[in-house]
C-alpha atoms as a PDB file:
ATOM      1  CA  MET A   1      57.320  95.351 354.311  1.00  0.00           C
ATOM      2  CA  THR A   2      53.957  96.433 355.716  1.00  0.00           C
ATOM      3  CA  PRO A   3      51.033  94.320 354.452  1.00  0.00           C
ATOM      4  CA  ARG A   4      48.743  96.119 352.029  1.00  0.00           C
ATOM      5  CA  SER A   5      45.174  96.866 353.001  1.00  0.00           C
ATOM      6  CA  PHE A   6      42.567  98.077 350.523  1.00  0.00           C
ATOM      7  CA  LEU A   7      39.658 100.408 351.216  1.00  0.00           C
ATOM      8  CA  PHE A   8      37.043 100.269 348.472  1.00  0.00           C
ATOM      9  CA  LEU A   9      34.838 103.373 348.501  1.00  0.00           C
ATOM     10  CA  LEU A  10      31.748 102.703 346.424  1.00  0.00           C
ATOM     11  CA  GLY A  11      30.407 105.975 345.040  1.00  0.00           C
ATOM     12  CA  SER A  12      27.387 104.787 343.069  1.00  0.00           C
ATOM     13  CA  ALA A  13      23.874 105.930 343.881  1.00  0.00           C
ATOM     14  CA  ARG A  14      22.860 102.251 343.959  1.00  0.00           C
ATOM     15  CA  THR A  15      24.370  99.038 345.248  1.00  0.00           C
ATOM     16  CA  GLY A  16      25.513  96.209 343.040  1.00  0.00           C
ATOM     17  CA  GLY A  17      26.079  98.360 339.951  1.00  0.00           C
ATOM     18  CA  ASN A  18      28.539  97.943 337.116  1.00  0.00           C
ATOM     19  CA  THR A  19      31.308  99.950 338.771  1.00  0.00           C
ATOM     20  CA  GLU A  20      31.102  97.808 341.903  1.00  0.00           C
ATOM     21  CA  ALA A  21      31.121  94.629 339.789  1.00  0.00           C
ATOM     22  CA  LEU A  22      34.271  95.796 337.994  1.00  0.00           C
ATOM     23  CA  ALA A  23      35.943  96.736 341.290  1.00  0.00           C
ATOM     24  CA  ARG A  24      35.109  93.316 342.730  1.00  0.00           C
ATOM     25  CA  ALA A  25      36.530  91.609 339.634  1.00  0.00           C
ATOM     26  CA  ALA A  26      39.806  93.469 340.193  1.00  0.00           C
ATOM     27  CA  ALA A  27      39.765  92.768 343.935  1.00  0.00           C
ATOM     28  CA  GLU A  28      39.422  89.027 343.278  1.00  0.00           C
ATOM     29  CA  GLN A  29      42.946  89.133 341.823  1.00  0.00           C
ATOM     30  CA  LEU A  30      44.558  90.465 345.007  1.00  0.00           C
ATOM     31  CA  PRO A  31      46.824  88.009 346.815  1.00  0.00           C
ATOM     32  CA  ALA A  32      45.071  85.766 349.320  1.00  0.00           C
ATOM     33  CA  GLY A  33      44.884  87.355 352.733  1.00  0.00           C
ATOM     34  CA  THR A  34      45.041  90.951 351.474  1.00  0.00           C
ATOM     35  CA  ALA A  35      42.843  93.007 353.792  1.00  0.00           C
ATOM     36  CA  GLN A  36      39.809  94.531 352.082  1.00  0.00           C
ATOM     37  CA  ARG A  37      37.169  96.861 353.456  1.00  0.00           C
ATOM     38  CA  TRP A  38      34.164  97.930 351.381  1.00  0.00           C
ATOM     39  CA  LEU A  39      32.105 101.034 352.199  1.00  0.00           C
ATOM     40  CA  HIS A  40      29.110 102.260 350.219  1.00  0.00           C
ATOM     41  CA  LEU A  41      29.386 106.044 350.508  1.00  0.00           C
ATOM     42  CA  ALA A  42      25.711 106.742 349.784  1.00  0.00           C
ATOM     43  CA  SER A  43      24.689 104.605 352.774  1.00  0.00           C
ATOM     44  CA  LEU A  44      26.847 106.584 355.195  1.00  0.00           C
ATOM     45  CA  ASP A  45      25.416 109.546 357.050  1.00  0.00           C
ATOM     46  CA  LEU A  46      28.168 111.877 355.902  1.00  0.00           C
ATOM     47  CA  PRO A  47      27.367 115.560 356.423  1.00  0.00           C
ATOM     48  CA  GLU A  48      27.869 118.080 353.673  1.00  0.00           C
ATOM     49  CA  TYR A  49      31.312 119.587 353.764  1.00  0.00           C
ATOM     50  CA  VAL A  50      31.397 123.051 355.347  1.00  0.00           C
ATOM     51  CA  ASP A  51      34.435 125.249 354.733  1.00  0.00           C
ATOM     52  CA  ALA A  52      35.165 126.602 358.217  1.00  0.00           C
ATOM     53  CA  ARG A  53      38.690 127.864 357.576  1.00  0.00           C
ATOM     54  CA  HIS A  54      37.600 131.468 358.147  1.00  0.00           C
ATOM     55  CA  ALA A  55      34.627 130.866 360.460  1.00  0.00           C
ATOM     56  CA  PRO A  56      34.605 132.037 364.086  1.00  0.00           C
ATOM     57  CA  GLY A  57      36.641 129.517 366.038  1.00  0.00           C
ATOM     58  CA  GLY A  58      38.261 128.329 362.820  1.00  0.00           C
ATOM     59  CA  PRO A  59      38.249 124.734 361.642  1.00  0.00           C
ATOM     60  CA  GLN A  60      38.926 123.570 365.181  1.00  0.00           C
ATOM     61  CA  SER A  61      35.246 124.329 365.909  1.00  0.00           C
ATOM     62  CA  GLN A  62      34.241 121.429 363.641  1.00  0.00           C
ATOM     63  CA  THR A  63      33.816 117.961 365.066  1.00  0.00           C
ATOM     64  CA  THR A  64      34.219 114.560 363.444  1.00  0.00           C
ATOM     65  CA  THR A  65      31.723 111.987 364.725  1.00  0.00           C
ATOM     66  CA  GLY A  66      29.541 109.108 363.577  1.00  0.00           C
ATOM     67  CA  ASP A  67      29.993 107.872 360.027  1.00  0.00           C
ATOM     68  CA  GLU A  68      32.449 110.669 359.254  1.00  0.00           C
ATOM     69  CA  ALA A  69      34.743 109.448 362.047  1.00  0.00           C
ATOM     70  CA  LEU A  70      34.349 105.880 360.760  1.00  0.00           C
ATOM     71  CA  LEU A  71      35.296 107.024 357.263  1.00  0.00           C
ATOM     72  CA  LEU A  72      38.338 108.929 358.515  1.00  0.00           C
ATOM     73  CA  GLU A  73      39.500 105.904 360.513  1.00  0.00           C
ATOM     74  CA  ALA A  74      38.996 103.623 357.495  1.00  0.00           C
ATOM     75  CA  THR A  75      40.882 106.039 355.244  1.00  0.00           C
ATOM     76  CA  LEU A  76      43.890 106.225 357.539  1.00  0.00           C
ATOM     77  CA  GLY A  77      43.792 102.461 358.081  1.00  0.00           C
ATOM     78  CA  ALA A  78      44.341 101.626 354.410  1.00  0.00           C
ATOM     79  CA  SER A  79      47.506 101.530 352.343  1.00  0.00           C
ATOM     80  CA  ASP A  80      45.455 101.594 349.124  1.00  0.00           C
ATOM     81  CA  LEU A  81      42.280 103.618 348.577  1.00  0.00           C
ATOM     82  CA  VAL A  82      40.049 102.704 345.651  1.00  0.00           C
ATOM     83  CA  ILE A  83      37.390 105.204 344.644  1.00  0.00           C
ATOM     84  CA  ALA A  84      34.881 103.209 342.628  1.00  0.00           C
ATOM     85  CA  SER A  85      32.598 105.806 341.092  1.00  0.00           C
ATOM     86  CA  PRO A  86      30.486 105.567 337.969  1.00  0.00           C
ATOM     87  CA  LEU A  87      31.078 108.319 335.458  1.00  0.00           C
ATOM     88  CA  TYR A  88      28.357 110.826 336.376  1.00  0.00           C
ATOM     89  CA  TRP A  89      28.319 113.899 334.138  1.00  0.00           C
ATOM     90  CA  TYR A  90      31.871 113.081 333.078  1.00  0.00           C
ATOM     91  CA  SER A  91      33.339 113.130 336.555  1.00  0.00           C
ATOM     92  CA  LEU A  92      32.941 111.605 340.016  1.00  0.00           C
ATOM     93  CA  SER A  93      29.585 110.919 341.621  1.00  0.00           C
ATOM     94  CA  SER A  94      28.394 113.376 344.250  1.00  0.00           C
ATOM     95  CA  ALA A  95      29.037 110.813 347.011  1.00  0.00           C
ATOM     96  CA  ALA A  96      32.652 110.335 345.903  1.00  0.00           C
ATOM     97  CA  LYS A  97      33.187 114.083 345.548  1.00  0.00           C
ATOM     98  CA  ARG A  98      31.744 114.699 349.034  1.00  0.00           C
ATOM     99  CA  TYR A  99      34.235 112.184 350.410  1.00  0.00           C
ATOM    100  CA  LEU A 100      37.139 114.056 348.809  1.00  0.00           C
ATOM    101  CA  ASP A 101      35.722 117.373 350.073  1.00  0.00           C
ATOM    102  CA  HIS A 102      36.040 116.019 353.606  1.00  0.00           C
ATOM    103  CA  TRP A 103      39.764 115.611 353.017  1.00  0.00           C
ATOM    104  CA  SER A 104      39.856 119.430 353.123  1.00  0.00           C
ATOM    105  CA  LYS A 105      38.369 119.343 356.600  1.00  0.00           C
ATOM    106  CA  TRP A 106      40.610 116.519 357.786  1.00  0.00           C
ATOM    107  CA  LEU A 107      43.676 118.501 356.684  1.00  0.00           C
ATOM    108  CA  ARG A 108      42.933 120.865 359.563  1.00  0.00           C
ATOM    109  CA  THR A 109      40.844 118.921 362.054  1.00  0.00           C
ATOM    110  CA  PRO A 110      40.707 116.599 363.907  1.00  0.00           C
ATOM    111  CA  ASP A 111      44.253 115.737 362.811  1.00  0.00           C
ATOM    112  CA  PRO A 112      46.399 118.410 361.161  1.00  0.00           C
ATOM    113  CA  GLU A 113      48.821 115.610 360.233  1.00  0.00           C
ATOM    114  CA  PHE A 114      46.284 114.058 357.824  1.00  0.00           C
ATOM    115  CA  ARG A 115      48.221 115.078 354.712  1.00  0.00           C
ATOM    116  CA  ALA A 116      51.501 113.712 356.052  1.00  0.00           C
ATOM    117  CA  LYS A 117      49.799 110.445 356.990  1.00  0.00           C
ATOM    118  CA  MET A 118      48.299 110.084 353.504  1.00  0.00           C
ATOM    119  CA  ALA A 119      51.634 110.609 351.776  1.00  0.00           C
ATOM    120  CA  GLY A 120      52.975 107.427 350.214  1.00  0.00           C
ATOM    121  CA  ARG A 121      49.618 105.646 350.133  1.00  0.00           C
ATOM    122  CA  THR A 122      48.111 104.774 346.758  1.00  0.00           C
ATOM    123  CA  LEU A 123      44.912 106.125 345.220  1.00  0.00           C
ATOM    124  CA  TRP A 124      43.168 104.079 342.529  1.00  0.00           C
ATOM    125  CA  GLY A 125      39.994 104.617 340.522  1.00  0.00           C
ATOM    126  CA  VAL A 126      37.426 102.276 339.018  1.00  0.00           C
ATOM    127  CA  THR A 127      34.567 103.443 336.831  1.00  0.00           C
ATOM    128  CA  ALA A 128      31.939 102.131 334.478  1.00  0.00           C
ATOM    129  CA  MET A 129      30.592 104.442 331.807  1.00  0.00           C
ATOM    130  CA  ALA A 130      28.137 104.348 328.935  1.00  0.00           C
ATOM    131  CA  HIS A 131      30.620 105.791 326.419  1.00  0.00           C
ATOM    132  CA  ALA A 132      32.894 103.440 324.543  1.00  0.00           C
ATOM    133  CA  GLU A 133      35.395 106.293 324.100  1.00  0.00           C
ATOM    134  CA  GLN A 134      37.593 106.221 327.192  1.00  0.00           C
ATOM    135  CA  GLU A 135      38.809 109.813 326.842  1.00  0.00           C
ATOM    136  CA  VAL A 136      35.450 111.098 328.137  1.00  0.00           C
ATOM    137  CA  ALA A 137      36.496 109.832 331.591  1.00  0.00           C
ATOM    138  CA  ARG A 138      39.558 112.102 331.592  1.00  0.00           C
ATOM    139  CA  PRO A 139      38.012 114.655 334.020  1.00  0.00           C
ATOM    140  CA  LEU A 140      37.394 111.874 336.567  1.00  0.00           C
ATOM    141  CA  GLU A 141      40.936 110.572 336.110  1.00  0.00           C
ATOM    142  CA  LEU A 142      42.463 114.049 336.500  1.00  0.00           C
ATOM    143  CA  THR A 143      40.441 114.708 339.674  1.00  0.00           C
ATOM    144  CA  LEU A 144      41.901 111.598 341.267  1.00  0.00           C
ATOM    145  CA  GLN A 145      45.417 112.109 339.909  1.00  0.00           C
ATOM    146  CA  HIS A 146      45.595 115.735 341.075  1.00  0.00           C
ATOM    147  CA  SER A 147      44.130 114.864 344.478  1.00  0.00           C
ATOM    148  CA  ALA A 148      46.783 112.181 344.897  1.00  0.00           C
ATOM    149  CA  ALA A 149      49.499 114.614 343.796  1.00  0.00           C
ATOM    150  CA  TYR A 150      48.398 117.230 346.314  1.00  0.00           C
ATOM    151  CA  MET A 151      48.468 114.679 349.116  1.00  0.00           C
ATOM    152  CA  GLY A 152      51.861 113.232 348.164  1.00  0.00           C
ATOM    153  CA  MET A 153      50.284 109.898 347.265  1.00  0.00           C
ATOM    154  CA  ARG A 154      50.918 107.422 344.504  1.00  0.00           C
ATOM    155  CA  PHE A 155      48.332 107.120 341.716  1.00  0.00           C
ATOM    156  CA  GLY A 156      47.514 103.739 340.260  1.00  0.00           C
ATOM    157  CA  GLY A 157      45.305 105.006 337.453  1.00  0.00           C
ATOM    158  CA  VAL A 158      41.689 104.267 336.625  1.00  0.00           C
ATOM    159  CA  LEU A 159      40.232 100.939 335.560  1.00  0.00           C
ATOM    160  CA  LEU A 160      37.583 101.749 332.946  1.00  0.00           C
ATOM    161  CA  GLY A 161      34.675  99.581 331.855  1.00  0.00           C
ATOM    162  CA  ASN A 162      31.868 100.077 329.378  1.00  0.00           C
ATOM    163  CA  ALA A 163      28.309  99.524 330.622  1.00  0.00           C
ATOM    164  CA  SER A 164      24.945 101.171 331.051  1.00  0.00           C
ATOM    165  CA  SER A 165      22.421  98.428 331.821  1.00  0.00           C
ATOM    166  CA  PRO A 166      22.787  96.308 335.002  1.00  0.00           C
ATOM    167  CA  GLY A 167      25.503  93.666 334.770  1.00  0.00           C
ATOM    168  CA  GLN A 168      26.655  94.797 331.336  1.00  0.00           C
ATOM    169  CA  VAL A 169      30.251  95.444 332.430  1.00  0.00           C
ATOM    170  CA  LEU A 170      30.727  91.700 332.904  1.00  0.00           C
ATOM    171  CA  ALA A 171      30.502  91.397 329.116  1.00  0.00           C
ATOM    172  CA  ASP A 172      33.323  93.914 328.613  1.00  0.00           C
ATOM    173  CA  GLU A 173      36.120  91.424 327.993  1.00  0.00           C
ATOM    174  CA  GLU A 174      38.818  94.105 327.669  1.00  0.00           C
ATOM    175  CA  ALA A 175      37.888  95.653 331.031  1.00  0.00           C
ATOM    176  CA  LEU A 176      37.845  92.256 332.730  1.00  0.00           C
ATOM    177  CA  ALA A 177      41.248  91.455 331.249  1.00  0.00           C
ATOM    178  CA  ARG A 178      42.650  94.752 332.596  1.00  0.00           C
ATOM    179  CA  ALA A 179      41.067  93.973 335.984  1.00  0.00           C
ATOM    180  CA  LYS A 180      43.193  90.836 336.294  1.00  0.00           C
ATOM    181  CA  THR A 181      46.417  92.849 336.587  1.00  0.00           C
ATOM    182  CA  PHE A 182      45.150  96.289 337.632  1.00  0.00           C
ATOM    183  CA  PHE A 183      46.316  96.147 341.255  1.00  0.00           C
ATOM    184  CA  ALA A 184      49.498  94.224 340.419  1.00  0.00           C
ATOM    185  CA  ARG A 185      51.181  97.266 338.868  1.00  0.00           C
ATOM    186  CA  GLU A 186      53.646  99.362 340.877  1.00  0.00           C
ATOM    187  CA  PRO A 187      52.195 102.889 340.843  1.00  0.00           C
ATOM    188  CA  GLU A 188      54.396 105.943 340.538  1.00  0.00           C
ATOM    189  CA  PRO A 189      54.172 108.974 342.807  1.00  0.00           C
ATOM    190  CA  ALA A 190      51.405 111.232 341.509  1.00  0.00           C
ATOM    191  CA  ARG A 191      52.511 114.433 339.823  1.00  0.00           C
ATOM    192  CA  PHE A 192      50.779 117.547 338.634  1.00  0.00           C
ATOM    193  CA  PRO A 193      51.250 118.168 334.876  1.00  0.00           C
ATOM    194  CA  TYR A 194      53.541 121.136 335.547  1.00  0.00           C
ATOM    195  CA  GLU A 195      55.872 118.924 337.619  1.00  0.00           C
ATOM    196  CA  ARG A 196      56.777 116.643 334.720  1.00  0.00           C
END
């Protein structure tokens, strides 16, 4: 069995926030020696996604360099991808959404086999939100679930925590209890609702 390796993609506009704290609490439960890589998306010089499917020269005219190339390499190097994004306007942060937008580019260039290579990997989510009612995070969860389904990935679900002021998520005992076993579950292949 291939060893698991986790890529944690921090989507907050600041470092050390509640979502990151919750993700780190879950990561502490991974078996010793499990590879972990942490990238703060807002600190990467990731260009805006440009849809070049119908541009002169097609998508092949786009290049992948710098931090974008680093992010692509990190993505393909992980068995498990964890998008840790606070709930911003009831969905993903702009940094996390920009990352997913680049999947559209990577489907065509530099490696048209990107989708096939992503198949079978697992996508997870972690988020902290001000609402106590977890159903308000459903749009974020569906974005990740549907993205995983499109790519043929597994979906491990979203670890939710309640917090608004710095460090507050560490007082959410239910979230911390869920964090202890979050990555221990065996995720199912992601499915669109119409496939069930």
